[in-house]
PDB file of N, CA and C in Angstrom:
ATOM      1  N   UNK A   1     -17.220  37.093  -0.778  1.00  0.00           N
ATOM      2  CA  UNK A   1     -16.535  36.181  -1.665  1.00  0.00           C
ATOM      3  C   UNK A   1     -15.302  35.661  -0.926  1.00  0.00           C
ATOM      4  N   UNK A   2     -15.434  34.513  -0.311  1.00  0.00           N
ATOM      5  CA  UNK A   2     -14.339  33.936   0.462  1.00  0.00           C
ATOM      6  C   UNK A   2     -13.589  32.907  -0.368  1.00  0.00           C
ATOM      7  N   UNK A   3     -12.273  33.088  -0.412  1.00  0.00           N
ATOM      8  CA  UNK A   3     -11.424  32.127  -1.102  1.00  0.00           C
ATOM      9  C   UNK A   3     -10.716  31.279  -0.065  1.00  0.00           C
ATOM     10  N   UNK A   4     -10.593  30.013  -0.358  1.00  0.00           N
ATOM     11  CA  UNK A   4      -9.889  29.119   0.546  1.00  0.00           C
ATOM     12  C   UNK A   4      -8.402  29.103   0.224  1.00  0.00           C
ATOM     13  N   UNK A   5      -8.057  29.073  -1.050  1.00  0.00           N
ATOM     14  CA  UNK A   5      -6.650  29.017  -1.439  1.00  0.00           C
ATOM     15  C   UNK A   5      -6.487  29.526  -2.858  1.00  0.00           C
ATOM     16  N   UNK A   6      -5.327  30.051  -3.129  1.00  0.00           N
ATOM     17  CA  UNK A   6      -4.970  30.444  -4.487  1.00  0.00           C
ATOM     18  C   UNK A   6      -3.538  29.998  -4.714  1.00  0.00           C
ATOM     19  N   UNK A   7      -3.289  29.372  -5.846  1.00  0.00           N
ATOM     20  CA  UNK A   7      -1.945  28.870  -6.128  1.00  0.00           C
ATOM     21  C   UNK A   7      -1.621  29.119  -7.583  1.00  0.00           C
ATOM     22  N   UNK A   8      -0.437  29.630  -7.823  1.00  0.00           N
ATOM     23  CA  UNK A   8       0.034  29.844  -9.184  1.00  0.00           C
ATOM     24  C   UNK A   8       0.874  28.644  -9.584  1.00  0.00           C
ATOM     25  N   UNK A   9       0.629  28.131 -10.763  1.00  0.00           N
ATOM     26  CA  UNK A   9       1.408  26.989 -11.254  1.00  0.00           C
ATOM     27  C   UNK A   9       2.832  27.430 -11.560  1.00  0.00           C
ATOM     28  N   UNK A  10       3.763  26.497 -11.480  1.00  0.00           N
ATOM     29  CA  UNK A  10       5.173  26.809 -11.703  1.00  0.00           C
ATOM     30  C   UNK A  10       5.453  27.341 -13.099  1.00  0.00           C
ATOM     31  N   UNK A  11       4.734  26.873 -14.063  1.00  0.00           N
ATOM     32  CA  UNK A  11       4.984  27.296 -15.427  1.00  0.00           C
ATOM     33  C   UNK A  11       6.187  26.599 -16.032  1.00  0.00           C
ATOM     34  N   UNK A  12       6.472  25.385 -15.569  1.00  0.00           N
ATOM     35  CA  UNK A  12       7.605  24.626 -16.090  1.00  0.00           C
ATOM     36  C   UNK A  12       7.357  24.102 -17.493  1.00  0.00           C
ATOM     37  N   UNK A  13       6.103  23.992 -17.867  1.00  0.00           N
ATOM     38  CA  UNK A  13       5.768  23.498 -19.200  1.00  0.00           C
ATOM     39  C   UNK A  13       4.877  24.526 -19.886  1.00  0.00           C
ATOM     40  N   UNK A  14       4.822  24.498 -21.212  1.00  0.00           N
ATOM     41  CA  UNK A  14       3.946  25.449 -21.910  1.00  0.00           C
ATOM     42  C   UNK A  14       2.482  25.321 -21.498  1.00  0.00           C
ATOM     43  N   UNK A  15       2.055  24.106 -21.086  1.00  0.00           N
ATOM     44  CA  UNK A  15       0.650  23.919 -20.711  1.00  0.00           C
ATOM     45  C   UNK A  15       0.294  24.629 -19.411  1.00  0.00           C
ATOM     46  N   UNK A  16       1.266  24.770 -18.498  1.00  0.00           N
ATOM     47  CA  UNK A  16       0.954  25.358 -17.192  1.00  0.00           C
ATOM     48  C   UNK A  16       1.421  26.800 -17.057  1.00  0.00           C
ATOM     49  N   UNK A  17       2.103  27.332 -18.043  1.00  0.00           N
ATOM     50  CA  UNK A  17       2.595  28.702 -17.956  1.00  0.00           C
ATOM     51  C   UNK A  17       1.427  29.672 -17.836  1.00  0.00           C
ATOM     52  N   UNK A  18       1.468  30.504 -16.806  1.00  0.00           N
ATOM     53  CA  UNK A  18       0.428  31.498 -16.603  1.00  0.00           C
ATOM     54  C   UNK A  18      -0.846  30.943 -15.994  1.00  0.00           C
ATOM     55  N   UNK A  19      -0.790  29.755 -15.434  1.00  0.00           N
ATOM     56  CA  UNK A  19      -1.966  29.119 -14.848  1.00  0.00           C
ATOM     57  C   UNK A  19      -2.032  29.390 -13.356  1.00  0.00           C
ATOM     58  N   UNK A  20      -3.221  29.649 -12.863  1.00  0.00           N
ATOM     59  CA  UNK A  20      -3.436  29.814 -11.424  1.00  0.00           C
ATOM     60  C   UNK A  20      -4.689  29.045 -11.039  1.00  0.00           C
ATOM     61  N   UNK A  21      -4.714  28.567  -9.804  1.00  0.00           N
ATOM     62  CA  UNK A  21      -5.872  27.831  -9.293  1.00  0.00           C
ATOM     63  C   UNK A  21      -6.427  28.588  -8.099  1.00  0.00           C
ATOM     64  N   UNK A  22      -7.719  28.791  -8.099  1.00  0.00           N
ATOM     65  CA  UNK A  22      -8.390  29.480  -6.996  1.00  0.00           C
ATOM     66  C   UNK A  22      -9.505  28.573  -6.499  1.00  0.00           C
ATOM     67  N   UNK A  23      -9.567  28.385  -5.178  1.00  0.00           N
ATOM     68  CA  UNK A  23     -10.599  27.547  -4.571  1.00  0.00           C
ATOM     69  C   UNK A  23     -11.526  28.454  -3.771  1.00  0.00           C
ATOM     70  N   UNK A  24     -12.787  28.449  -4.125  1.00  0.00           N
ATOM     71  CA  UNK A  24     -13.786  29.234  -3.407  1.00  0.00           C
ATOM     72  C   UNK A  24     -14.518  28.346  -2.418  1.00  0.00           C
ATOM     73  N   UNK A  25     -14.872  28.923  -1.279  1.00  0.00           N
ATOM     74  CA  UNK A  25     -15.616  28.178  -0.264  1.00  0.00           C
ATOM     75  C   UNK A  25     -17.062  27.964  -0.678  1.00  0.00           C
ATOM     76  N   UNK A  26     -17.584  28.866  -1.480  1.00  0.00           N
ATOM     77  CA  UNK A  26     -18.990  28.814  -1.886  1.00  0.00           C
ATOM     78  C   UNK A  26     -19.073  28.658  -3.407  1.00  0.00           C
ATOM     79  N   UNK A  27     -19.848  27.706  -3.876  1.00  0.00           N
ATOM     80  CA  UNK A  27     -19.981  27.453  -5.311  1.00  0.00           C
ATOM     81  C   UNK A  27     -20.547  28.668  -6.043  1.00  0.00           C
ATOM     82  N   UNK A  28     -21.374  29.451  -5.376  1.00  0.00           N
ATOM     83  CA  UNK A  28     -21.952  30.636  -6.011  1.00  0.00           C
ATOM     84  C   UNK A  28     -20.886  31.703  -6.244  1.00  0.00           C
ATOM     85  N   UNK A  29     -19.896  31.796  -5.347  1.00  0.00           N
ATOM     86  CA  UNK A  29     -18.773  32.712  -5.556  1.00  0.00           C
ATOM     87  C   UNK A  29     -17.932  32.256  -6.743  1.00  0.00           C
ATOM     88  N   UNK A  30     -17.745  30.955  -6.872  1.00  0.00           N
ATOM     89  CA  UNK A  30     -16.991  30.413  -8.007  1.00  0.00           C
ATOM     90  C   UNK A  30     -17.724  30.711  -9.314  1.00  0.00           C
ATOM     91  N   UNK A  31     -19.032  30.537  -9.322  1.00  0.00           N
ATOM     92  CA  UNK A  31     -19.823  30.833 -10.519  1.00  0.00           C
ATOM     93  C   UNK A  31     -19.737  32.312 -10.861  1.00  0.00           C
ATOM     94  N   UNK A  32     -19.815  33.163  -9.845  1.00  0.00           N
ATOM     95  CA  UNK A  32     -19.714  34.605 -10.046  1.00  0.00           C
ATOM     96  C   UNK A  32     -18.364  34.969 -10.665  1.00  0.00           C
ATOM     97  N   UNK A  33     -17.290  34.343 -10.179  1.00  0.00           N
ATOM     98  CA  UNK A  33     -15.958  34.596 -10.736  1.00  0.00           C
ATOM     99  C   UNK A  33     -15.899  34.157 -12.197  1.00  0.00           C
ATOM    100  N   UNK A  34     -16.436  32.987 -12.491  1.00  0.00           N
ATOM    101  CA  UNK A  34     -16.443  32.504 -13.882  1.00  0.00           C
ATOM    102  C   UNK A  34     -17.231  33.440 -14.788  1.00  0.00           C
ATOM    103  N   UNK A  35     -18.375  33.871 -14.306  1.00  0.00           N
ATOM    104  CA  UNK A  35     -19.245  34.722 -15.116  1.00  0.00           C
ATOM    105  C   UNK A  35     -18.650  36.103 -15.367  1.00  0.00           C
ATOM    106  N   UNK A  36     -17.992  36.679 -14.360  1.00  0.00           N
ATOM    107  CA  UNK A  36     -17.567  38.071 -14.457  1.00  0.00           C
ATOM    108  C   UNK A  36     -16.081  38.272 -14.765  1.00  0.00           C
ATOM    109  N   UNK A  37     -15.250  37.276 -14.521  1.00  0.00           N
ATOM    110  CA  UNK A  37     -13.816  37.463 -14.746  1.00  0.00           C
ATOM    111  C   UNK A  37     -13.325  36.868 -16.058  1.00  0.00           C
ATOM    112  N   UNK A  38     -14.045  35.928 -16.615  1.00  0.00           N
ATOM    113  CA  UNK A  38     -13.620  35.348 -17.883  1.00  0.00           C
ATOM    114  C   UNK A  38     -13.690  36.421 -18.965  1.00  0.00           C
ATOM    115  N   UNK A  39     -12.573  36.626 -19.662  1.00  0.00           N
ATOM    116  CA  UNK A  39     -12.506  37.664 -20.684  1.00  0.00           C
ATOM    117  C   UNK A  39     -12.006  38.997 -20.164  1.00  0.00           C
ATOM    118  N   UNK A  40     -11.782  39.114 -18.859  1.00  0.00           N
ATOM    119  CA  UNK A  40     -11.289  40.351 -18.251  1.00  0.00           C
ATOM    120  C   UNK A  40      -9.848  40.581 -18.695  1.00  0.00           C
ATOM    121  N   UNK A  41      -9.521  41.823 -19.077  1.00  0.00           N
ATOM    122  CA  UNK A  41      -8.193  42.154 -19.570  1.00  0.00           C
ATOM    123  C   UNK A  41      -7.299  42.585 -18.415  1.00  0.00           C
ATOM    124  N   UNK A  42      -6.157  41.889 -18.262  1.00  0.00           N
ATOM    125  CA  UNK A  42      -5.158  42.229 -17.248  1.00  0.00           C
ATOM    126  C   UNK A  42      -3.812  42.333 -17.956  1.00  0.00           C
ATOM    127  N   UNK A  43      -3.221  43.515 -17.953  1.00  0.00           N
ATOM    128  CA  UNK A  43      -1.907  43.739 -18.591  1.00  0.00           C
ATOM    129  C   UNK A  43      -1.893  43.249 -20.037  1.00  0.00           C
ATOM    130  N   UNK A  44      -2.920  43.602 -20.767  1.00  0.00           N
ATOM    131  CA  UNK A  44      -3.057  43.223 -22.183  1.00  0.00           C
ATOM    132  C   UNK A  44      -3.138  41.720 -22.421  1.00  0.00           C
ATOM    133  N   UNK A  45      -3.558  40.984 -21.402  1.00  0.00           N
ATOM    134  CA  UNK A  45      -3.832  39.544 -21.550  1.00  0.00           C
ATOM    135  C   UNK A  45      -5.231  39.302 -21.018  1.00  0.00           C
ATOM    136  N   UNK A  46      -5.945  38.395 -21.636  1.00  0.00           N
ATOM    137  CA  UNK A  46      -7.315  38.118 -21.233  1.00  0.00           C
ATOM    138  C   UNK A  46      -7.367  36.891 -20.338  1.00  0.00           C
ATOM    139  N   UNK A  47      -8.131  37.005 -19.248  1.00  0.00           N
ATOM    140  CA  UNK A  47      -8.313  35.877 -18.340  1.00  0.00           C
ATOM    141  C   UNK A  47      -9.256  34.854 -18.956  1.00  0.00           C
ATOM    142  N   UNK A  48      -8.933  33.610 -18.770  1.00  0.00           N
ATOM    143  CA  UNK A  48      -9.826  32.511 -19.129  1.00  0.00           C
ATOM    144  C   UNK A  48     -10.127  31.798 -17.824  1.00  0.00           C
ATOM    145  N   UNK A  49     -11.363  31.873 -17.381  1.00  0.00           N
ATOM    146  CA  UNK A  49     -11.753  31.308 -16.091  1.00  0.00           C
ATOM    147  C   UNK A  49     -12.645  30.102 -16.346  1.00  0.00           C
ATOM    148  N   UNK A  50     -12.235  28.964 -15.797  1.00  0.00           N
ATOM    149  CA  UNK A  50     -12.968  27.717 -15.993  1.00  0.00           C
ATOM    150  C   UNK A  50     -13.156  27.012 -14.666  1.00  0.00           C
ATOM    151  N   UNK A  51     -14.183  26.191 -14.592  1.00  0.00           N
ATOM    152  CA  UNK A  51     -14.354  25.305 -13.445  1.00  0.00           C
ATOM    153  C   UNK A  51     -13.372  24.153 -13.582  1.00  0.00           C
ATOM    154  N   UNK A  52     -12.848  23.688 -12.473  1.00  0.00           N
ATOM    155  CA  UNK A  52     -11.980  22.514 -12.487  1.00  0.00           C
ATOM    156  C   UNK A  52     -12.835  21.297 -12.810  1.00  0.00           C
ATOM    157  N   UNK A  53     -12.355  20.479 -13.722  1.00  0.00           N
ATOM    158  CA  UNK A  53     -13.081  19.280 -14.118  1.00  0.00           C
ATOM    159  C   UNK A  53     -12.212  18.069 -13.801  1.00  0.00           C
ATOM    160  N   UNK A  54     -12.495  17.404 -12.696  1.00  0.00           N
ATOM    161  CA  UNK A  54     -11.688  16.263 -12.255  1.00  0.00           C
ATOM    162  C   UNK A  54     -11.686  15.145 -13.289  1.00  0.00           C
ATOM    163  N   UNK A  55     -12.815  14.896 -13.926  1.00  0.00           N
ATOM    164  CA  UNK A  55     -12.886  13.825 -14.929  1.00  0.00           C
ATOM    165  C   UNK A  55     -11.917  14.076 -16.072  1.00  0.00           C
ATOM    166  N   UNK A  56     -11.844  15.316 -16.539  1.00  0.00           N
ATOM    167  CA  UNK A  56     -10.948  15.656 -17.638  1.00  0.00           C
ATOM    168  C   UNK A  56      -9.487  15.490 -17.209  1.00  0.00           C
ATOM    169  N   UNK A  57      -9.168  15.898 -15.988  1.00  0.00           N
ATOM    170  CA  UNK A  57      -7.797  15.770 -15.489  1.00  0.00           C
ATOM    171  C   UNK A  57      -7.396  14.305 -15.384  1.00  0.00           C
ATOM    172  N   UNK A  58      -8.289  13.472 -14.880  1.00  0.00           N
ATOM    173  CA  UNK A  58      -7.978  12.053 -14.748  1.00  0.00           C
ATOM    174  C   UNK A  58      -7.905  11.372 -16.112  1.00  0.00           C
ATOM    175  N   UNK A  59      -8.725  11.794 -17.058  1.00  0.00           N
ATOM    176  CA  UNK A  59      -8.657  11.233 -18.407  1.00  0.00           C
ATOM    177  C   UNK A  59      -7.307  11.543 -19.036  1.00  0.00           C
ATOM    178  N   UNK A  60      -6.817  12.758 -18.812  1.00  0.00           N
ATOM    179  CA  UNK A  60      -5.526  13.145 -19.361  1.00  0.00           C
ATOM    180  C   UNK A  60      -4.422  12.292 -18.747  1.00  0.00           C
ATOM    181  N   UNK A  61      -4.494  12.065 -17.434  1.00  0.00           N
ATOM    182  CA  UNK A  61      -3.509  11.222 -16.770  1.00  0.00           C
ATOM    183  C   UNK A  61      -3.583   9.802 -17.319  1.00  0.00           C
ATOM    184  N   UNK A  62      -4.799   9.302 -17.505  1.00  0.00           N
ATOM    185  CA  UNK A  62      -5.001   7.953 -18.022  1.00  0.00           C
ATOM    186  C   UNK A  62      -4.438   7.833 -19.437  1.00  0.00           C
ATOM    187  N   UNK A  63      -4.617   8.866 -20.247  1.00  0.00           N
ATOM    188  CA  UNK A  63      -4.096   8.866 -21.605  1.00  0.00           C
ATOM    189  C   UNK A  63      -2.574   8.791 -21.598  1.00  0.00           C
ATOM    190  N   UNK A  64      -1.946   9.558 -20.718  1.00  0.00           N
ATOM    191  CA  UNK A  64      -0.484   9.527 -20.641  1.00  0.00           C
ATOM    192  C   UNK A  64       0.005   8.145 -20.213  1.00  0.00           C
ATOM    193  N   UNK A  65      -0.711   7.520 -19.297  1.00  0.00           N
ATOM    194  CA  UNK A  65      -0.345   6.179 -18.840  1.00  0.00           C
ATOM    195  C   UNK A  65      -0.453   5.185 -19.998  1.00  0.00           C
ATOM    196  N   UNK A  66      -1.529   5.276 -20.773  1.00  0.00           N
ATOM    197  CA  UNK A  66      -1.719   4.376 -21.910  1.00  0.00           C
ATOM    198  C   UNK A  66      -0.645   4.612 -22.981  1.00  0.00           C
ATOM    199  N   UNK A  67      -0.275   5.880 -23.207  1.00  0.00           N
ATOM    200  CA  UNK A  67       0.777   6.176 -24.176  1.00  0.00           C
ATOM    201  C   UNK A  67       2.102   5.556 -23.732  1.00  0.00           C
ATOM    202  N   UNK A  68       2.387   5.624 -22.440  1.00  0.00           N
ATOM    203  CA  UNK A  68       3.615   5.034 -21.911  1.00  0.00           C
ATOM    204  C   UNK A  68       3.596   3.511 -22.072  1.00  0.00           C
ATOM    205  N   UNK A  69       2.443   2.887 -21.797  1.00  0.00           N
ATOM    206  CA  UNK A  69       2.318   1.441 -21.973  1.00  0.00           C
ATOM    207  C   UNK A  69       2.512   1.055 -23.440  1.00  0.00           C
ATOM    208  N   UNK A  70       1.944   1.837 -24.340  1.00  0.00           N
ATOM    209  CA  UNK A  70       2.085   1.578 -25.770  1.00  0.00           C
ATOM    210  C   UNK A  70       3.546   1.692 -26.200  1.00  0.00           C
ATOM    211  N   UNK A  71       4.231   2.693 -25.686  1.00  0.00           N
ATOM    212  CA  UNK A  71       5.647   2.875 -26.000  1.00  0.00           C
ATOM    213  C   UNK A  71       6.458   1.655 -25.550  1.00  0.00           C
ATOM    214  N   UNK A  72       6.173   1.160 -24.342  1.00  0.00           N
ATOM    215  CA  UNK A  72       6.880  -0.018 -23.836  1.00  0.00           C
ATOM    216  C   UNK A  72       6.609  -1.254 -24.694  1.00  0.00           C
ATOM    217  N   UNK A  73       5.364  -1.424 -25.118  1.00  0.00           N
ATOM    218  CA  UNK A  73       5.022  -2.562 -25.980  1.00  0.00           C
ATOM    219  C   UNK A  73       5.727  -2.462 -27.335  1.00  0.00           C
ATOM    220  N   UNK A  74       5.788  -1.252 -27.899  1.00  0.00           N
ATOM    221  CA  UNK A  74       6.476  -1.060 -29.177  1.00  0.00           C
ATOM    222  C   UNK A  74       7.952  -1.417 -29.046  1.00  0.00           C
ATOM    223  N   UNK A  75       8.555  -0.992 -27.926  1.00  0.00           N
ATOM    224  CA  UNK A  75       9.964  -1.319 -27.696  1.00  0.00           C
ATOM    225  C   UNK A  75      10.147  -2.828 -27.525  1.00  0.00           C
ATOM    226  N   UNK A  76       9.231  -3.447 -26.795  1.00  0.00           N
ATOM    227  CA  UNK A  76       9.317  -4.884 -26.529  1.00  0.00           C
ATOM    228  C   UNK A  76       9.266  -5.696 -27.819  1.00  0.00           C
ATOM    229  N   UNK A  77       8.385  -5.307 -28.743  1.00  0.00           N
ATOM    230  CA  UNK A  77       8.194  -6.067 -29.975  1.00  0.00           C
ATOM    231  C   UNK A  77       8.936  -5.469 -31.171  1.00  0.00           C
ATOM    232  N   UNK A  78       9.763  -4.447 -30.918  1.00  0.00           N
ATOM    233  CA  UNK A  78      10.580  -3.868 -31.986  1.00  0.00           C
ATOM    234  C   UNK A  78       9.796  -3.156 -33.059  1.00  0.00           C
ATOM    235  N   UNK A  79       8.723  -2.516 -32.687  1.00  0.00           N
ATOM    236  CA  UNK A  79       7.901  -1.789 -33.656  1.00  0.00           C
ATOM    237  C   UNK A  79       8.345  -0.330 -33.655  1.00  0.00           C
ATOM    238  N   UNK A  80       8.700   0.170 -34.833  1.00  0.00           N
ATOM    239  CA  UNK A  80       9.125   1.559 -34.956  1.00  0.00           C
ATOM    240  C   UNK A  80       8.134   2.285 -35.849  1.00  0.00           C
ATOM    241  N   UNK A  81       7.414   3.242 -35.293  1.00  0.00           N
ATOM    242  CA  UNK A  81       6.429   3.990 -36.075  1.00  0.00           C
ATOM    243  C   UNK A  81       6.912   5.395 -36.391  1.00  0.00           C
ATOM    244  N   UNK A  82       8.152   5.712 -35.996  1.00  0.00           N
ATOM    245  CA  UNK A  82       8.699   7.032 -36.289  1.00  0.00           C
ATOM    246  C   UNK A  82       9.024   7.131 -37.775  1.00  0.00           C
ATOM    247  N   UNK A  83       8.754   8.284 -38.392  1.00  0.00           N
ATOM    248  CA  UNK A  83       9.080   8.433 -39.814  1.00  0.00           C
ATOM    249  C   UNK A  83      10.599   8.440 -39.999  1.00  0.00           C
ATOM    250  N   UNK A  84      11.092   7.887 -41.104  1.00  0.00           N
ATOM    251  CA  UNK A  84      12.540   7.889 -41.344  1.00  0.00           C
ATOM    252  C   UNK A  84      13.056   9.305 -41.533  1.00  0.00           C
ATOM    253  N   UNK A  85      14.295   9.516 -41.110  1.00  0.00           N
ATOM    254  CA  UNK A  85      14.898  10.860 -41.214  1.00  0.00           C
ATOM    255  C   UNK A  85      15.659  11.014 -42.498  1.00  0.00           C
TER     256      UNK A  85
END
């Protein structure tokens, strides 16, 4: 089981806290890790092991870009959708 790289995310945001990325040289090793390590208990926390999905990551980036564009358009045309305080 050869790993090419392992990196722990900074954890600067709640979404990345406790996240690590592992790159396997062989897809069968990656599948083996997913099959056998997902649900494994480490220090009273359970591992969630998933394959990286580039499409999902890019969709999330695209969504953030569209949200930013929408925000700019709302500011440009003076549209306020925030509930009154």
